[in-house]
Amino acid sequence: QVQLVESGGGLVQAGGSLRLSCAASGRTFSRYAMGWFRQAPGKEREFVGWISRDGDSTYYADSVKGRFTISRDNAKNTVYLQMNNLKPEDTAVYYCAVSNNPIFLSTLARMYSYWGQGTQVTVSS
């Protein structure tokens, strides 16, 4: 079992930046590929990006590509989401999750488990 705790959310003006963190419990964090998702009010959970177990590979949704960067520090059991040039449409609760398959990563939320509680990101115009 893995427990995930997101932090770093907040209120920011359009064009600003935030860095989210997702801290994981346990000693096997380096075995897990990780994903970030977000959910705005009244909308379905949306894929943001994923990162491989070793951090060498990342993949992003088109809506965030070039603005968001996912990284990880396996020594600290933490994955990060650096968000730059934020837009009001980025407003959502952001979640990290563990991929069910450590090698073949998906953009589908149902292919992830052990979700964190989420952290709110609000971007004002």
C-alpha atoms as a PDB file:
ATOM      1  CA  GLN A   1       0.000   0.000   0.000  1.00  0.00           C
ATOM      2  CA  VAL A   2       1.192   3.478  -0.880  1.00  0.00           C
ATOM      3  CA  GLN A   3       0.039   6.729   0.650  1.00  0.00           C
ATOM      4  CA  LEU A   4       0.380   9.915  -1.341  1.00  0.00           C
ATOM      5  CA  VAL A   5       0.175  13.468  -0.040  1.00  0.00           C
ATOM      6  CA  GLU A   6       0.062  16.424  -2.415  1.00  0.00           C
ATOM      7  CA  SER A   7       1.037  19.946  -1.404  1.00  0.00           C
ATOM      8  CA  GLY A   8       1.955  23.271  -2.933  1.00  0.00           C
ATOM      9  CA  GLY A   9      -1.353  24.402  -4.309  1.00  0.00           C
ATOM     10  CA  GLY A  10      -2.709  27.891  -3.885  1.00  0.00           C
ATOM     11  CA  LEU A  11      -3.971  31.030  -5.542  1.00  0.00           C
ATOM     12  CA  VAL A  12      -1.864  32.584  -8.284  1.00  0.00           C
ATOM     13  CA  GLN A  13      -2.395  35.175 -10.971  1.00  0.00           C
ATOM     14  CA  ALA A  14      -2.430  34.238 -14.619  1.00  0.00           C
ATOM     15  CA  GLY A  15       1.109  33.964 -15.919  1.00  0.00           C
ATOM     16  CA  GLY A  16       2.427  32.910 -12.542  1.00  0.00           C
ATOM     17  CA  SER A  17       4.023  29.671 -11.399  1.00  0.00           C
ATOM     18  CA  LEU A  18       3.492  27.001  -8.769  1.00  0.00           C
ATOM     19  CA  ARG A  19       5.306  23.808  -7.888  1.00  0.00           C
ATOM     20  CA  LEU A  20       3.277  20.933  -6.563  1.00  0.00           C
ATOM     21  CA  SER A  21       4.800  18.112  -4.584  1.00  0.00           C
ATOM     22  CA  CYS A  22       3.568  14.583  -4.054  1.00  0.00           C
ATOM     23  CA  ALA A  23       5.199  12.737  -1.189  1.00  0.00           C
ATOM     24  CA  ALA A  24       4.876   8.968  -1.059  1.00  0.00           C
ATOM     25  CA  SER A  25       5.185   6.600   1.850  1.00  0.00           C
ATOM     26  CA  GLY A  26       7.128   3.369   1.713  1.00  0.00           C
ATOM     27  CA  ARG A  27      10.535   2.250   0.598  1.00  0.00           C
ATOM     28  CA  THR A  28       9.665   1.153  -2.929  1.00  0.00           C
ATOM     29  CA  PHE A  29       8.850   4.506  -4.478  1.00  0.00           C
ATOM     30  CA  SER A  30      11.407   4.030  -7.248  1.00  0.00           C
ATOM     31  CA  ARG A  31       9.382   1.061  -8.525  1.00  0.00           C
ATOM     32  CA  TYR A  32       6.371   3.236  -9.293  1.00  0.00           C
ATOM     33  CA  ALA A  33       5.653   5.223 -12.397  1.00  0.00           C
ATOM     34  CA  MET A  34       3.587   8.235 -11.422  1.00  0.00           C
ATOM     35  CA  GLY A  35       0.906  10.348 -12.986  1.00  0.00           C
ATOM     36  CA  TRP A  36      -0.608  13.747 -12.377  1.00  0.00           C
ATOM     37  CA  PHE A  37      -4.269  14.462 -13.019  1.00  0.00           C
ATOM     38  CA  ARG A  38      -6.585  17.373 -12.362  1.00  0.00           C
ATOM     39  CA  GLN A  39     -10.285  17.862 -11.908  1.00  0.00           C
ATOM     40  CA  ALA A  40     -12.175  21.097 -12.300  1.00  0.00           C
ATOM     41  CA  PRO A  41     -15.670  21.580 -10.824  1.00  0.00           C
ATOM     42  CA  GLY A  42     -18.285  19.791 -12.877  1.00  0.00           C
ATOM     43  CA  LYS A  43     -15.710  18.143 -15.115  1.00  0.00           C
ATOM     44  CA  GLU A  44     -14.160  14.706 -15.342  1.00  0.00           C
ATOM     45  CA  ARG A  45     -10.706  13.991 -14.050  1.00  0.00           C
ATOM     46  CA  GLU A  46      -8.189  15.002 -16.708  1.00  0.00           C
ATOM     47  CA  PHE A  47      -4.745  13.603 -17.444  1.00  0.00           C
ATOM     48  CA  VAL A  48      -1.886  16.081 -16.997  1.00  0.00           C
ATOM     49  CA  GLY A  49       1.239  13.974 -17.400  1.00  0.00           C
ATOM     50  CA  TRP A  50       3.245  10.983 -16.275  1.00  0.00           C
ATOM     51  CA  ILE A  51       6.809  10.194 -15.366  1.00  0.00           C
ATOM     52  CA  SER A  52       8.651   6.890 -15.562  1.00  0.00           C
ATOM     53  CA  ARG A  53      10.130   5.116 -12.582  1.00  0.00           C
ATOM     54  CA  ASP A  54      13.604   6.478 -13.141  1.00  0.00           C
ATOM     55  CA  GLY A  55      12.436   9.913 -14.256  1.00  0.00           C
ATOM     56  CA  ASP A  56      14.008   9.602 -17.688  1.00  0.00           C
ATOM     57  CA  SER A  57      10.707   9.641 -19.546  1.00  0.00           C
ATOM     58  CA  THR A  58       7.820  12.051 -19.275  1.00  0.00           C
ATOM     59  CA  TYR A  59       4.653  12.652 -21.251  1.00  0.00           C
ATOM     60  CA  TYR A  60       2.201  15.541 -21.119  1.00  0.00           C
ATOM     61  CA  ALA A  61      -1.266  16.425 -22.208  1.00  0.00           C
ATOM     62  CA  ASP A  62      -1.314  18.877 -25.089  1.00  0.00           C
ATOM     63  CA  SER A  63      -3.032  21.451 -22.888  1.00  0.00           C
ATOM     64  CA  VAL A  64       0.000  21.713 -20.589  1.00  0.00           C
ATOM     65  CA  LYS A  65       2.880  20.786 -22.872  1.00  0.00           C
ATOM     66  CA  GLY A  66       5.632  23.379 -22.781  1.00  0.00           C
ATOM     67  CA  ARG A  67       4.294  24.935 -19.564  1.00  0.00           C
ATOM     68  CA  PHE A  68       4.326  22.056 -17.053  1.00  0.00           C
ATOM     69  CA  THR A  69       7.244  19.824 -16.095  1.00  0.00           C
ATOM     70  CA  ILE A  70       7.150  16.640 -14.053  1.00  0.00           C
ATOM     71  CA  SER A  71      10.213  15.494 -12.157  1.00  0.00           C
ATOM     72  CA  ARG A  72      10.973  13.178  -9.284  1.00  0.00           C
ATOM     73  CA  ASP A  73      13.481  12.619  -6.523  1.00  0.00           C
ATOM     74  CA  ASN A  74      13.440   8.955  -5.613  1.00  0.00           C
ATOM     75  CA  ALA A  75      15.727   9.556  -2.651  1.00  0.00           C
ATOM     76  CA  LYS A  76      13.023  11.796  -1.191  1.00  0.00           C
ATOM     77  CA  ASN A  77      10.079   9.656  -2.343  1.00  0.00           C
ATOM     78  CA  THR A  78       8.656  12.726  -4.045  1.00  0.00           C
ATOM     79  CA  VAL A  79       7.351  13.643  -7.468  1.00  0.00           C
ATOM     80  CA  TYR A  80       6.931  17.246  -8.554  1.00  0.00           C
ATOM     81  CA  LEU A  81       4.777  19.191 -10.963  1.00  0.00           C
ATOM     82  CA  GLN A  82       6.280  22.529 -11.958  1.00  0.00           C
ATOM     83  CA  MET A  83       3.610  24.716 -13.505  1.00  0.00           C
ATOM     84  CA  ASN A  84       4.604  27.870 -15.377  1.00  0.00           C
ATOM     85  CA  ASN A  85       2.633  30.436 -17.322  1.00  0.00           C
ATOM     86  CA  LEU A  86      -0.535  29.379 -15.553  1.00  0.00           C
ATOM     87  CA  LYS A  87      -3.896  30.135 -17.113  1.00  0.00           C
ATOM     88  CA  PRO A  88      -7.346  30.445 -15.535  1.00  0.00           C
ATOM     89  CA  GLU A  89      -8.323  27.192 -17.258  1.00  0.00           C
ATOM     90  CA  ASP A  90      -5.653  25.412 -15.196  1.00  0.00           C
ATOM     91  CA  THR A  91      -7.813  25.956 -12.109  1.00  0.00           C
ATOM     92  CA  ALA A  92      -8.572  22.540 -10.625  1.00  0.00           C
ATOM     93  CA  VAL A  93      -7.769  20.112  -7.867  1.00  0.00           C
ATOM     94  CA  TYR A  94      -4.536  18.370  -8.789  1.00  0.00           C
ATOM     95  CA  TYR A  95      -3.872  14.743  -7.893  1.00  0.00           C
ATOM     96  CA  CYS A  96      -0.917  12.424  -8.118  1.00  0.00           C
ATOM     97  CA  ALA A  97      -1.349   8.687  -8.504  1.00  0.00           C
ATOM     98  CA  VAL A  98       0.591   5.476  -8.963  1.00  0.00           C
ATOM     99  CA  SER A  99       0.413   3.785 -12.343  1.00  0.00           C
ATOM    100  CA  ASN A 100      -0.960   0.242 -12.224  1.00  0.00           C
ATOM    101  CA  ASN A 101       1.629  -0.762 -14.802  1.00  0.00           C
ATOM    102  CA  PRO A 102       5.167   0.441 -14.076  1.00  0.00           C
ATOM    103  CA  ILE A 103       6.250   0.144 -17.713  1.00  0.00           C
ATOM    104  CA  PHE A 104       3.280   0.811 -19.983  1.00  0.00           C
ATOM    105  CA  LEU A 105       1.914   4.151 -18.856  1.00  0.00           C
ATOM    106  CA  SER A 106      -1.526   5.425 -19.646  1.00  0.00           C
ATOM    107  CA  THR A 107      -3.416   8.685 -19.834  1.00  0.00           C
ATOM    108  CA  LEU A 108      -6.521   7.024 -18.370  1.00  0.00           C
ATOM    109  CA  ALA A 109      -7.356   7.638 -14.726  1.00  0.00           C
ATOM    110  CA  ARG A 110      -8.645   4.071 -14.308  1.00  0.00           C
ATOM    111  CA  MET A 111      -5.128   2.800 -15.003  1.00  0.00           C
ATOM    112  CA  TYR A 112      -3.870   4.457 -11.812  1.00  0.00           C
ATOM    113  CA  SER A 113      -4.369   3.652  -8.156  1.00  0.00           C
ATOM    114  CA  TYR A 114      -3.331   4.979  -4.739  1.00  0.00           C
ATOM    115  CA  TRP A 115      -4.495   8.513  -5.309  1.00  0.00           C
ATOM    116  CA  GLY A 116      -3.584  11.399  -3.067  1.00  0.00           C
ATOM    117  CA  GLN A 117      -6.166  13.706  -1.510  1.00  0.00           C
ATOM    118  CA  GLY A 118      -5.502  16.459  -4.023  1.00  0.00           C
ATOM    119  CA  THR A 119      -4.370  20.067  -3.761  1.00  0.00           C
ATOM    120  CA  GLN A 120      -6.333  23.051  -5.039  1.00  0.00           C
ATOM    121  CA  VAL A 121      -4.819  25.310  -7.675  1.00  0.00           C
ATOM    122  CA  THR A 122      -6.688  28.505  -8.476  1.00  0.00           C
ATOM    123  CA  VAL A 123      -5.514  30.837 -11.228  1.00  0.00           C
ATOM    124  CA  SER A 124      -7.059  34.283 -11.328  1.00  0.00           C
ATOM    125  CA  SER A 125      -7.320  36.327 -14.499  1.00  0.00           C
END
